[in-house]
Amino acid sequence: MNTLRHMLSCLLWPVLLVSALVATAAGIASGNGVLWFNLTYILFAITIGLFERVMPHERSWLENDHQTFANLAHTVLNKGIVQVLVVVSGTAGLAGAIQSAGGNGPLWPSQLPLFFQVVVGLVVAEFGLYWAHRIAHQSAFLWRFHAVHHSVTRLWFINTGRFHFVDTFVSIILSQPLLYLVGAPAIVFLWVSAITAFIGVLTHCNIEMRFGPINYVFNTPGLHRWHHSMDIREGNKNYGENLMIWDMIFRTYFDSDRRPPARIGIDGPMPSSFLGQLSAPFSAAPPPAVSPDRPPGTGS
């Protein structure tokens, strides 16, 4: 039984991700990509939720933190409104208009198979996502918004979308235009968005998994748990959304053989209600938390 569990913990991350991507590809090929993606995403999240109960990384994170409604409300606002309307309708539509006006941009490697074009798109978008995330930790003003995400006291699939909408908007405007500039086609925009959605759920899941060399390529739950550490030497690391390439280049990659801390959160208060969390960053009071780039307790 222990051998089977160990094998499952090693295979689970790649199997879940590949299965979701294969289902999404089948949906796109059938001409019902959006519908298939939504169905796949829901089934994907439910599957991860079940594994969290069977193979939890931290049993204490199974306890109710009374933030489920707030987490889901942030998710609906971010995923349902900001990302769907802005990213899918806006960026894919603009990319399609650019294509119809004159084809892909001159910098885009359109001669490559789609798989490698998506890889290029991920690396390009990741550069913007990396810096949006890093700046959100280094700027006292932007940390006000990003602190909403870091205020969670446990990681599980439900708080994947717990981001203040301003935080999400900053990430979009610093990453999507890069794909415009290099002339990425609409299909690449869609694949980058889908991969980001699936990896985001995996990154925040509370499942006991082993990653090995995967940690050097993708952002995994093992790496992201360090990012949520209250120790600034650990929390000020692993800014990658999907890939770790820019953390490697800019020397913010962190991993350790010891177990990541179970106690996570922020050094400061955060309203428990969804509306309170939306309004907290606009308060005239000091920032609701301290950025991991500054010592705890120093305020703004």
C-alpha atoms as a PDB file:
ATOM      1  CA  MET A   1       0.000   0.000   0.000  1.00  0.00           C
ATOM      2  CA  ASN A   2       2.800   2.406   0.857  1.00  0.00           C
ATOM      3  CA  THR A   3       4.551   1.571  -2.421  1.00  0.00           C
ATOM      4  CA  LEU A   4       1.353   2.269  -4.378  1.00  0.00           C
ATOM      5  CA  ARG A   5       0.816   5.551  -2.542  1.00  0.00           C
ATOM      6  CA  HIS A   6       4.421   6.602  -3.207  1.00  0.00           C
ATOM      7  CA  MET A   7       4.052   5.789  -6.909  1.00  0.00           C
ATOM      8  CA  LEU A   8       0.789   7.715  -7.079  1.00  0.00           C
ATOM      9  CA  SER A   9       2.356  10.739  -5.385  1.00  0.00           C
ATOM     10  CA  CYS A  10       5.089  10.775  -8.048  1.00  0.00           C
ATOM     11  CA  LEU A  11       2.739  10.367 -11.020  1.00  0.00           C
ATOM     12  CA  LEU A  12      -0.251  12.423  -9.919  1.00  0.00           C
ATOM     13  CA  TRP A  13       0.909  15.920 -10.927  1.00  0.00           C
ATOM     14  CA  PRO A  14       1.918  15.095 -14.526  1.00  0.00           C
ATOM     15  CA  VAL A  15      -1.020  12.717 -15.055  1.00  0.00           C
ATOM     16  CA  LEU A  16      -3.569  15.298 -13.897  1.00  0.00           C
ATOM     17  CA  LEU A  17      -2.066  18.080 -16.008  1.00  0.00           C
ATOM     18  CA  VAL A  18      -1.616  15.997 -19.155  1.00  0.00           C
ATOM     19  CA  SER A  19      -5.146  14.577 -18.855  1.00  0.00           C
ATOM     20  CA  ALA A  20      -6.606  18.084 -18.614  1.00  0.00           C
ATOM     21  CA  LEU A  21      -4.576  19.290 -21.604  1.00  0.00           C
ATOM     22  CA  VAL A  22      -5.529  16.274 -23.725  1.00  0.00           C
ATOM     23  CA  ALA A  23      -9.210  16.846 -22.961  1.00  0.00           C
ATOM     24  CA  THR A  24      -8.845  20.536 -23.825  1.00  0.00           C
ATOM     25  CA  ALA A  25      -7.099  19.685 -27.107  1.00  0.00           C
ATOM     26  CA  ALA A  26      -9.904  17.270 -28.002  1.00  0.00           C
ATOM     27  CA  GLY A  27     -12.426  20.016 -27.320  1.00  0.00           C
ATOM     28  CA  ILE A  28     -10.580  22.523 -29.497  1.00  0.00           C
ATOM     29  CA  ALA A  29     -10.326  19.957 -32.318  1.00  0.00           C
ATOM     30  CA  SER A  30     -14.092  19.340 -32.116  1.00  0.00           C
ATOM     31  CA  GLY A  31     -14.846  23.031 -32.442  1.00  0.00           C
ATOM     32  CA  ASN A  32     -16.236  23.270 -28.894  1.00  0.00           C
ATOM     33  CA  GLY A  33     -13.070  24.371 -27.138  1.00  0.00           C
ATOM     34  CA  VAL A  34     -14.645  26.780 -24.648  1.00  0.00           C
ATOM     35  CA  LEU A  35     -17.325  24.310 -23.565  1.00  0.00           C
ATOM     36  CA  TRP A  36     -14.847  21.448 -23.233  1.00  0.00           C
ATOM     37  CA  PHE A  37     -12.419  23.625 -21.310  1.00  0.00           C
ATOM     38  CA  ASN A  38     -15.099  24.652 -18.799  1.00  0.00           C
ATOM     39  CA  LEU A  39     -16.259  21.064 -18.317  1.00  0.00           C
ATOM     40  CA  THR A  40     -12.674  19.843 -18.035  1.00  0.00           C
ATOM     41  CA  TYR A  41     -11.805  22.592 -15.547  1.00  0.00           C
ATOM     42  CA  ILE A  42     -14.759  21.710 -13.312  1.00  0.00           C
ATOM     43  CA  LEU A  43     -13.973  17.978 -13.400  1.00  0.00           C
ATOM     44  CA  PHE A  44     -10.280  18.777 -12.853  1.00  0.00           C
ATOM     45  CA  ALA A  45     -11.054  20.856  -9.744  1.00  0.00           C
ATOM     46  CA  ILE A  46     -13.422  18.225  -8.340  1.00  0.00           C
ATOM     47  CA  THR A  47     -10.813  15.498  -8.852  1.00  0.00           C
ATOM     48  CA  ILE A  48      -8.179  17.539  -7.039  1.00  0.00           C
ATOM     49  CA  GLY A  49     -10.617  18.251  -4.228  1.00  0.00           C
ATOM     50  CA  LEU A  50     -11.196  14.523  -3.764  1.00  0.00           C
ATOM     51  CA  PHE A  51      -7.470  13.758  -3.717  1.00  0.00           C
ATOM     52  CA  GLU A  52      -6.995  16.476  -1.086  1.00  0.00           C
ATOM     53  CA  ARG A  53      -9.229  14.458   1.225  1.00  0.00           C
ATOM     54  CA  VAL A  54      -7.554  11.138   0.456  1.00  0.00           C
ATOM     55  CA  MET A  55      -3.892  12.244   0.289  1.00  0.00           C
ATOM     56  CA  PRO A  56      -3.539  15.599   2.091  1.00  0.00           C
ATOM     57  CA  HIS A  57      -0.136  17.254   2.340  1.00  0.00           C
ATOM     58  CA  GLU A  58      -1.149  19.056   5.545  1.00  0.00           C
ATOM     59  CA  ARG A  59      -4.051  17.597   7.510  1.00  0.00           C
ATOM     60  CA  SER A  60      -4.442  20.871   9.411  1.00  0.00           C
ATOM     61  CA  TRP A  61      -5.279  22.565   6.089  1.00  0.00           C
ATOM     62  CA  LEU A  62      -8.396  20.392   5.861  1.00  0.00           C
ATOM     63  CA  GLU A  63      -9.922  22.346   8.747  1.00  0.00           C
ATOM     64  CA  ASN A  64     -12.514  24.978   7.875  1.00  0.00           C
ATOM     65  CA  ASP A  65     -11.096  28.514   7.813  1.00  0.00           C
ATOM     66  CA  HIS A  66     -14.524  30.047   7.056  1.00  0.00           C
ATOM     67  CA  GLN A  67     -13.147  31.644   3.888  1.00  0.00           C
ATOM     68  CA  THR A  68     -14.767  29.398   1.289  1.00  0.00           C
ATOM     69  CA  PHE A  69     -17.386  31.961   0.225  1.00  0.00           C
ATOM     70  CA  ALA A  70     -14.811  34.758  -0.017  1.00  0.00           C
ATOM     71  CA  ASN A  71     -12.449  32.496  -1.993  1.00  0.00           C
ATOM     72  CA  LEU A  72     -15.183  31.513  -4.454  1.00  0.00           C
ATOM     73  CA  ALA A  73     -16.405  35.107  -4.787  1.00  0.00           C
ATOM     74  CA  HIS A  74     -12.891  36.276  -5.710  1.00  0.00           C
ATOM     75  CA  THR A  75     -12.653  33.382  -8.166  1.00  0.00           C
ATOM     76  CA  VAL A  76     -15.920  34.300  -9.887  1.00  0.00           C
ATOM     77  CA  LEU A  77     -14.884  37.953 -10.120  1.00  0.00           C
ATOM     78  CA  ASN A  78     -11.394  37.187 -11.438  1.00  0.00           C
ATOM     79  CA  LYS A  79     -11.922  34.113 -13.575  1.00  0.00           C
ATOM     80  CA  GLY A  80     -15.480  34.792 -14.647  1.00  0.00           C
ATOM     81  CA  ILE A  81     -15.276  38.511 -15.381  1.00  0.00           C
ATOM     82  CA  VAL A  82     -11.730  39.817 -15.571  1.00  0.00           C
ATOM     83  CA  GLN A  83      -9.981  36.888 -17.249  1.00  0.00           C
ATOM     84  CA  VAL A  84     -12.807  35.627 -19.473  1.00  0.00           C
ATOM     85  CA  LEU A  85     -13.887  39.037 -20.749  1.00  0.00           C
ATOM     86  CA  VAL A  86     -10.478  40.676 -20.866  1.00  0.00           C
ATOM     87  CA  VAL A  87      -8.177  37.779 -21.750  1.00  0.00           C
ATOM     88  CA  VAL A  88     -10.351  35.490 -23.865  1.00  0.00           C
ATOM     89  CA  SER A  89     -12.578  38.067 -25.564  1.00  0.00           C
ATOM     90  CA  GLY A  90     -10.089  40.912 -25.598  1.00  0.00           C
ATOM     91  CA  THR A  91      -6.711  39.364 -26.241  1.00  0.00           C
ATOM     92  CA  ALA A  92      -7.851  36.511 -28.452  1.00  0.00           C
ATOM     93  CA  GLY A  93     -10.067  38.891 -30.395  1.00  0.00           C
ATOM     94  CA  LEU A  94      -7.256  41.401 -30.871  1.00  0.00           C
ATOM     95  CA  ALA A  95      -4.850  38.647 -31.845  1.00  0.00           C
ATOM     96  CA  GLY A  96      -7.385  37.427 -34.412  1.00  0.00           C
ATOM     97  CA  ALA A  97      -7.741  40.944 -35.803  1.00  0.00           C
ATOM     98  CA  ILE A  98      -3.954  41.242 -36.125  1.00  0.00           C
ATOM     99  CA  GLN A  99      -3.827  37.954 -37.976  1.00  0.00           C
ATOM    100  CA  SER A 100      -6.589  38.895 -40.413  1.00  0.00           C
ATOM    101  CA  ALA A 101      -4.875  42.221 -41.056  1.00  0.00           C
ATOM    102  CA  GLY A 102      -1.545  40.753 -42.021  1.00  0.00           C
ATOM    103  CA  GLY A 103      -0.778  37.427 -40.444  1.00  0.00           C
ATOM    104  CA  ASN A 104       1.369  36.713 -37.386  1.00  0.00           C
ATOM    105  CA  GLY A 105       3.897  39.262 -36.239  1.00  0.00           C
ATOM    106  CA  PRO A 106       7.349  39.181 -37.841  1.00  0.00           C
ATOM    107  CA  LEU A 107       8.937  37.974 -34.603  1.00  0.00           C
ATOM    108  CA  TRP A 108       6.593  35.021 -34.158  1.00  0.00           C
ATOM    109  CA  PRO A 109       7.995  31.554 -35.098  1.00  0.00           C
ATOM    110  CA  SER A 110       4.885  30.545 -37.061  1.00  0.00           C
ATOM    111  CA  GLN A 111       6.854  27.856 -38.900  1.00  0.00           C
ATOM    112  CA  LEU A 112       7.111  25.798 -35.693  1.00  0.00           C
ATOM    113  CA  PRO A 113       4.528  23.145 -34.764  1.00  0.00           C
ATOM    114  CA  LEU A 114       1.783  24.440 -32.456  1.00  0.00           C
ATOM    115  CA  PHE A 115       3.269  22.642 -29.439  1.00  0.00           C
ATOM    116  CA  PHE A 116       6.498  24.634 -29.674  1.00  0.00           C
ATOM    117  CA  GLN A 117       4.606  27.859 -30.394  1.00  0.00           C
ATOM    118  CA  VAL A 118       2.701  27.358 -27.131  1.00  0.00           C
ATOM    119  CA  VAL A 119       5.982  26.760 -25.299  1.00  0.00           C
ATOM    120  CA  VAL A 120       7.324  30.047 -26.700  1.00  0.00           C
ATOM    121  CA  GLY A 121       4.085  31.778 -25.706  1.00  0.00           C
ATOM    122  CA  LEU A 122       4.356  30.452 -22.155  1.00  0.00           C
ATOM    123  CA  VAL A 123       7.941  31.678 -21.788  1.00  0.00           C
ATOM    124  CA  VAL A 124       7.091  35.135 -23.180  1.00  0.00           C
ATOM    125  CA  ALA A 125       3.949  35.580 -21.049  1.00  0.00           C
ATOM    126  CA  GLU A 126       5.760  34.198 -18.013  1.00  0.00           C
ATOM    127  CA  PHE A 127       8.272  37.053 -18.168  1.00  0.00           C
ATOM    128  CA  GLY A 128       5.454  39.533 -17.563  1.00  0.00           C
ATOM    129  CA  LEU A 129       3.741  37.337 -14.977  1.00  0.00           C
ATOM    130  CA  TYR A 130       7.007  36.920 -13.085  1.00  0.00           C
ATOM    131  CA  TRP A 131       7.644  40.665 -12.857  1.00  0.00           C
ATOM    132  CA  ALA A 132       4.025  41.483 -12.046  1.00  0.00           C
ATOM    133  CA  HIS A 133       4.225  39.048  -9.137  1.00  0.00           C
ATOM    134  CA  ARG A 134       7.624  40.225  -7.957  1.00  0.00           C
ATOM    135  CA  ILE A 135       6.658  43.906  -8.117  1.00  0.00           C
ATOM    136  CA  ALA A 136       3.486  43.108  -6.152  1.00  0.00           C
ATOM    137  CA  HIS A 137       5.783  42.018  -3.317  1.00  0.00           C
ATOM    138  CA  GLN A 138       8.231  44.892  -3.628  1.00  0.00           C
ATOM    139  CA  SER A 139       5.765  47.777  -3.995  1.00  0.00           C
ATOM    140  CA  ALA A 140       4.039  48.824  -0.774  1.00  0.00           C
ATOM    141  CA  PHE A 141       1.050  50.055  -2.780  1.00  0.00           C
ATOM    142  CA  LEU A 142       0.601  46.909  -4.893  1.00  0.00           C
ATOM    143  CA  TRP A 143       1.227  44.700  -1.865  1.00  0.00           C
ATOM    144  CA  ARG A 144      -2.029  46.063  -0.428  1.00  0.00           C
ATOM    145  CA  PHE A 145      -3.858  44.151  -3.178  1.00  0.00           C
ATOM    146  CA  HIS A 146      -1.616  41.095  -3.359  1.00  0.00           C
ATOM    147  CA  ALA A 147      -1.884  40.638   0.414  1.00  0.00           C
ATOM    148  CA  VAL A 148      -5.466  39.451  -0.117  1.00  0.00           C
ATOM    149  CA  HIS A 149      -4.061  36.302  -1.702  1.00  0.00           C
ATOM    150  CA  HIS A 150      -1.307  35.824   0.878  1.00  0.00           C
ATOM    151  CA  SER A 151      -3.698  36.240   3.800  1.00  0.00           C
ATOM    152  CA  VAL A 152      -4.887  32.632   3.454  1.00  0.00           C
ATOM    153  CA  THR A 153      -3.928  30.390   6.348  1.00  0.00           C
ATOM    154  CA  ARG A 154      -4.168  27.179   4.356  1.00  0.00           C
ATOM    155  CA  LEU A 155      -3.615  26.209   0.743  1.00  0.00           C
ATOM    156  CA  TRP A 156      -6.220  24.185  -1.132  1.00  0.00           C
ATOM    157  CA  PHE A 157      -7.821  24.191  -4.564  1.00  0.00           C
ATOM    158  CA  ILE A 158     -10.651  26.523  -3.524  1.00  0.00           C
ATOM    159  CA  ASN A 159      -8.350  29.522  -2.946  1.00  0.00           C
ATOM    160  CA  THR A 160      -6.689  29.254  -6.359  1.00  0.00           C
ATOM    161  CA  GLY A 161      -8.617  32.300  -7.571  1.00  0.00           C
ATOM    162  CA  ARG A 162      -8.412  34.324  -4.362  1.00  0.00           C
ATOM    163  CA  PHE A 163      -6.835  37.452  -5.844  1.00  0.00           C
ATOM    164  CA  HIS A 164      -7.968  41.043  -5.593  1.00  0.00           C
ATOM    165  CA  PHE A 165      -9.211  42.052  -9.053  1.00  0.00           C
ATOM    166  CA  VAL A 166      -6.662  44.907  -9.187  1.00  0.00           C
ATOM    167  CA  ASP A 167      -3.891  42.365  -8.572  1.00  0.00           C
ATOM    168  CA  THR A 168      -5.242  40.239 -11.427  1.00  0.00           C
ATOM    169  CA  PHE A 169      -5.524  43.243 -13.743  1.00  0.00           C
ATOM    170  CA  VAL A 170      -1.893  44.215 -13.123  1.00  0.00           C
ATOM    171  CA  SER A 171      -0.776  40.683 -14.022  1.00  0.00           C
ATOM    172  CA  ILE A 172      -2.795  40.796 -17.232  1.00  0.00           C
ATOM    173  CA  ILE A 173      -1.512  44.156 -18.444  1.00  0.00           C
ATOM    174  CA  LEU A 174       2.100  43.177 -17.760  1.00  0.00           C
ATOM    175  CA  SER A 175       1.926  39.801 -19.528  1.00  0.00           C
ATOM    176  CA  GLN A 176      -0.638  39.801 -22.351  1.00  0.00           C
ATOM    177  CA  PRO A 177       0.804  42.777 -24.293  1.00  0.00           C
ATOM    178  CA  LEU A 178       4.086  40.878 -24.583  1.00  0.00           C
ATOM    179  CA  LEU A 179       2.293  38.250 -26.672  1.00  0.00           C
ATOM    180  CA  TYR A 180       0.868  41.034 -28.869  1.00  0.00           C
ATOM    181  CA  LEU A 181       4.324  42.462 -29.412  1.00  0.00           C
ATOM    182  CA  VAL A 182       5.755  39.185 -30.647  1.00  0.00           C
ATOM    183  CA  GLY A 183       2.687  38.548 -32.818  1.00  0.00           C
ATOM    184  CA  ALA A 184       1.308  35.423 -31.165  1.00  0.00           C
ATOM    185  CA  PRO A 185      -1.815  33.972 -32.862  1.00  0.00           C
ATOM    186  CA  ALA A 186      -5.147  33.642 -31.065  1.00  0.00           C
ATOM    187  CA  ILE A 187      -4.738  29.882 -30.497  1.00  0.00           C
ATOM    188  CA  VAL A 188      -1.560  30.521 -28.494  1.00  0.00           C
ATOM    189  CA  PHE A 189      -3.363  33.068 -26.300  1.00  0.00           C
ATOM    190  CA  LEU A 190      -6.047  30.489 -25.600  1.00  0.00           C
ATOM    191  CA  TRP A 191      -3.584  27.702 -24.787  1.00  0.00           C
ATOM    192  CA  VAL A 192      -1.528  29.937 -22.468  1.00  0.00           C
ATOM    193  CA  SER A 193      -4.723  30.900 -20.612  1.00  0.00           C
ATOM    194  CA  ALA A 194      -5.843  27.257 -20.314  1.00  0.00           C
ATOM    195  CA  ILE A 195      -2.462  25.995 -19.097  1.00  0.00           C
ATOM    196  CA  THR A 196      -2.275  28.833 -16.563  1.00  0.00           C
ATOM    197  CA  ALA A 197      -5.717  27.890 -15.236  1.00  0.00           C
ATOM    198  CA  PHE A 198      -4.852  24.206 -14.761  1.00  0.00           C
ATOM    199  CA  ILE A 199      -1.418  24.802 -13.259  1.00  0.00           C
ATOM    200  CA  GLY A 200      -2.926  27.424 -10.932  1.00  0.00           C
ATOM    201  CA  VAL A 201      -5.262  24.857  -9.396  1.00  0.00           C
ATOM    202  CA  LEU A 202      -2.446  22.334  -9.061  1.00  0.00           C
ATOM    203  CA  THR A 203      -0.105  24.902  -7.516  1.00  0.00           C
ATOM    204  CA  HIS A 204      -2.479  25.644  -4.648  1.00  0.00           C
ATOM    205  CA  CYS A 205      -3.680  22.107  -3.987  1.00  0.00           C
ATOM    206  CA  ASN A 206      -3.227  20.347  -0.655  1.00  0.00           C
ATOM    207  CA  ILE A 207      -2.162  16.949  -2.004  1.00  0.00           C
ATOM    208  CA  GLU A 208       0.893  14.940  -0.996  1.00  0.00           C
ATOM    209  CA  MET A 209       2.914  14.771  -4.203  1.00  0.00           C
ATOM    210  CA  ARG A 210       6.546  14.390  -5.207  1.00  0.00           C
ATOM    211  CA  PHE A 211       7.945  16.368  -8.108  1.00  0.00           C
ATOM    212  CA  GLY A 212      11.657  15.628  -8.595  1.00  0.00           C
ATOM    213  CA  PRO A 213      13.016  17.379 -11.718  1.00  0.00           C
ATOM    214  CA  ILE A 214       9.571  18.838 -12.497  1.00  0.00           C
ATOM    215  CA  ASN A 215      10.387  21.515  -9.902  1.00  0.00           C
ATOM    216  CA  TYR A 216      13.097  22.896 -12.186  1.00  0.00           C
ATOM    217  CA  VAL A 217      10.641  23.479 -15.039  1.00  0.00           C
ATOM    218  CA  PHE A 218       7.168  24.131 -13.639  1.00  0.00           C
ATOM    219  CA  ASN A 219       5.749  25.916 -10.630  1.00  0.00           C
ATOM    220  CA  THR A 220       4.525  23.114  -8.380  1.00  0.00           C
ATOM    221  CA  PRO A 221       2.704  22.925  -5.035  1.00  0.00           C
ATOM    222  CA  GLY A 222       6.040  22.050  -3.438  1.00  0.00           C
ATOM    223  CA  LEU A 223       7.596  25.320  -4.633  1.00  0.00           C
ATOM    224  CA  HIS A 224       4.541  27.487  -4.057  1.00  0.00           C
ATOM    225  CA  ARG A 225       4.227  26.418  -0.435  1.00  0.00           C
ATOM    226  CA  TRP A 226       7.608  28.055   0.165  1.00  0.00           C
ATOM    227  CA  HIS A 227       6.319  31.220  -1.491  1.00  0.00           C
ATOM    228  CA  HIS A 228       3.527  31.404   1.106  1.00  0.00           C
ATOM    229  CA  SER A 229       5.979  31.099   3.989  1.00  0.00           C
ATOM    230  CA  MET A 230       5.937  33.939   6.528  1.00  0.00           C
ATOM    231  CA  ASP A 231       9.743  33.813   6.581  1.00  0.00           C
ATOM    232  CA  ILE A 232      10.850  36.488   4.057  1.00  0.00           C
ATOM    233  CA  ARG A 233      13.900  34.402   3.116  1.00  0.00           C
ATOM    234  CA  GLU A 234      11.485  31.787   1.773  1.00  0.00           C
ATOM    235  CA  GLY A 235       8.412  33.858   0.873  1.00  0.00           C
ATOM    236  CA  ASN A 236      10.384  36.268  -1.281  1.00  0.00           C
ATOM    237  CA  LYS A 237      11.021  33.469  -3.799  1.00  0.00           C
ATOM    238  CA  ASN A 238       9.364  31.423  -6.552  1.00  0.00           C
ATOM    239  CA  TYR A 239       7.425  34.159  -8.320  1.00  0.00           C
ATOM    240  CA  GLY A 240       6.746  32.085 -11.432  1.00  0.00           C
ATOM    241  CA  GLU A 241       3.127  31.482 -12.393  1.00  0.00           C
ATOM    242  CA  ASN A 242       3.622  28.437 -14.616  1.00  0.00           C
ATOM    243  CA  LEU A 243       7.345  28.111 -15.280  1.00  0.00           C
ATOM    244  CA  MET A 244      10.445  28.577 -13.142  1.00  0.00           C
ATOM    245  CA  ILE A 245      12.727  29.796 -15.934  1.00  0.00           C
ATOM    246  CA  TRP A 246      12.719  33.446 -14.857  1.00  0.00           C
ATOM    247  CA  ASP A 247      13.188  32.558 -11.181  1.00  0.00           C
ATOM    248  CA  MET A 248      16.246  30.593 -12.273  1.00  0.00           C
ATOM    249  CA  ILE A 249      17.583  33.478 -14.370  1.00  0.00           C
ATOM    250  CA  PHE A 250      16.905  36.189 -11.772  1.00  0.00           C
ATOM    251  CA  ARG A 251      17.985  33.962  -8.866  1.00  0.00           C
ATOM    252  CA  THR A 252      14.731  33.907  -6.938  1.00  0.00           C
ATOM    253  CA  TYR A 253      14.279  30.130  -7.135  1.00  0.00           C
ATOM    254  CA  PHE A 254      14.024  28.385  -3.773  1.00  0.00           C
ATOM    255  CA  ASP A 255      13.558  24.798  -2.686  1.00  0.00           C
ATOM    256  CA  SER A 256      14.707  22.762   0.283  1.00  0.00           C
ATOM    257  CA  ASP A 257      14.778  19.164   1.446  1.00  0.00           C
ATOM    258  CA  ARG A 258      12.935  20.091   4.635  1.00  0.00           C
ATOM    259  CA  ARG A 259       9.162  20.357   4.822  1.00  0.00           C
ATOM    260  CA  PRO A 260       7.584  23.744   3.969  1.00  0.00           C
ATOM    261  CA  PRO A 261       5.903  25.510   6.907  1.00  0.00           C
ATOM    262  CA  ALA A 262       2.304  24.592   7.708  1.00  0.00           C
ATOM    263  CA  ARG A 263       1.708  28.002   9.292  1.00  0.00           C
ATOM    264  CA  ILE A 264       1.250  30.509   6.495  1.00  0.00           C
ATOM    265  CA  GLY A 265      -0.387  33.913   6.152  1.00  0.00           C
ATOM    266  CA  ILE A 266       0.530  37.587   6.525  1.00  0.00           C
ATOM    267  CA  ASP A 267       1.886  39.795   9.257  1.00  0.00           C
ATOM    268  CA  GLY A 268      -1.209  41.891   9.716  1.00  0.00           C
ATOM    269  CA  PRO A 269      -5.018  41.788   9.724  1.00  0.00           C
ATOM    270  CA  MET A 270      -7.265  41.068   6.766  1.00  0.00           C
ATOM    271  CA  PRO A 271     -11.085  41.391   6.812  1.00  0.00           C
ATOM    272  CA  SER A 272     -12.828  38.050   6.766  1.00  0.00           C
ATOM    273  CA  SER A 273     -15.589  39.120   4.382  1.00  0.00           C
ATOM    274  CA  PHE A 274     -15.330  39.284   0.599  1.00  0.00           C
ATOM    275  CA  LEU A 275     -16.449  42.918   0.443  1.00  0.00           C
ATOM    276  CA  GLY A 276     -14.075  43.803   3.256  1.00  0.00           C
ATOM    277  CA  GLN A 277     -11.192  42.251   1.362  1.00  0.00           C
ATOM    278  CA  LEU A 278     -12.123  44.176  -1.788  1.00  0.00           C
ATOM    279  CA  SER A 279     -12.173  47.499   0.068  1.00  0.00           C
ATOM    280  CA  ALA A 280      -9.218  46.941   2.447  1.00  0.00           C
ATOM    281  CA  PRO A 281      -6.471  47.980  -0.028  1.00  0.00           C
ATOM    282  CA  PHE A 282      -8.208  51.328  -0.612  1.00  0.00           C
ATOM    283  CA  SER A 283      -8.331  52.145   3.095  1.00  0.00           C
ATOM    284  CA  ALA A 284      -6.440  55.187   4.360  1.00  0.00           C
ATOM    285  CA  ALA A 285      -5.068  52.985   7.120  1.00  0.00           C
ATOM    286  CA  PRO A 286      -1.621  51.352   6.775  1.00  0.00           C
ATOM    287  CA  PRO A 287      -1.363  48.431   4.340  1.00  0.00           C
ATOM    288  CA  PRO A 288      -3.271  45.385   5.567  1.00  0.00           C
ATOM    289  CA  ALA A 289      -0.077  43.374   5.640  1.00  0.00           C
ATOM    290  CA  VAL A 290       3.654  43.708   5.288  1.00  0.00           C
ATOM    291  CA  SER A 291       5.326  42.815   2.044  1.00  0.00           C
ATOM    292  CA  PRO A 292       7.640  39.795   2.316  1.00  0.00           C
ATOM    293  CA  ASP A 293      10.395  42.083   1.024  1.00  0.00           C
ATOM    294  CA  ARG A 294      10.344  43.987   4.334  1.00  0.00           C
ATOM    295  CA  PRO A 295      10.844  42.652   7.846  1.00  0.00           C
ATOM    296  CA  PRO A 296       7.646  41.722   9.657  1.00  0.00           C
ATOM    297  CA  GLY A 297       6.162  44.388  11.873  1.00  0.00           C
ATOM    298  CA  THR A 298       7.633  47.398  10.043  1.00  0.00           C
ATOM    299  CA  GLY A 299       4.309  48.601   8.671  1.00  0.00           C
ATOM    300  CA  SER A 300       4.333  50.733   5.514  1.00  0.00           C
END
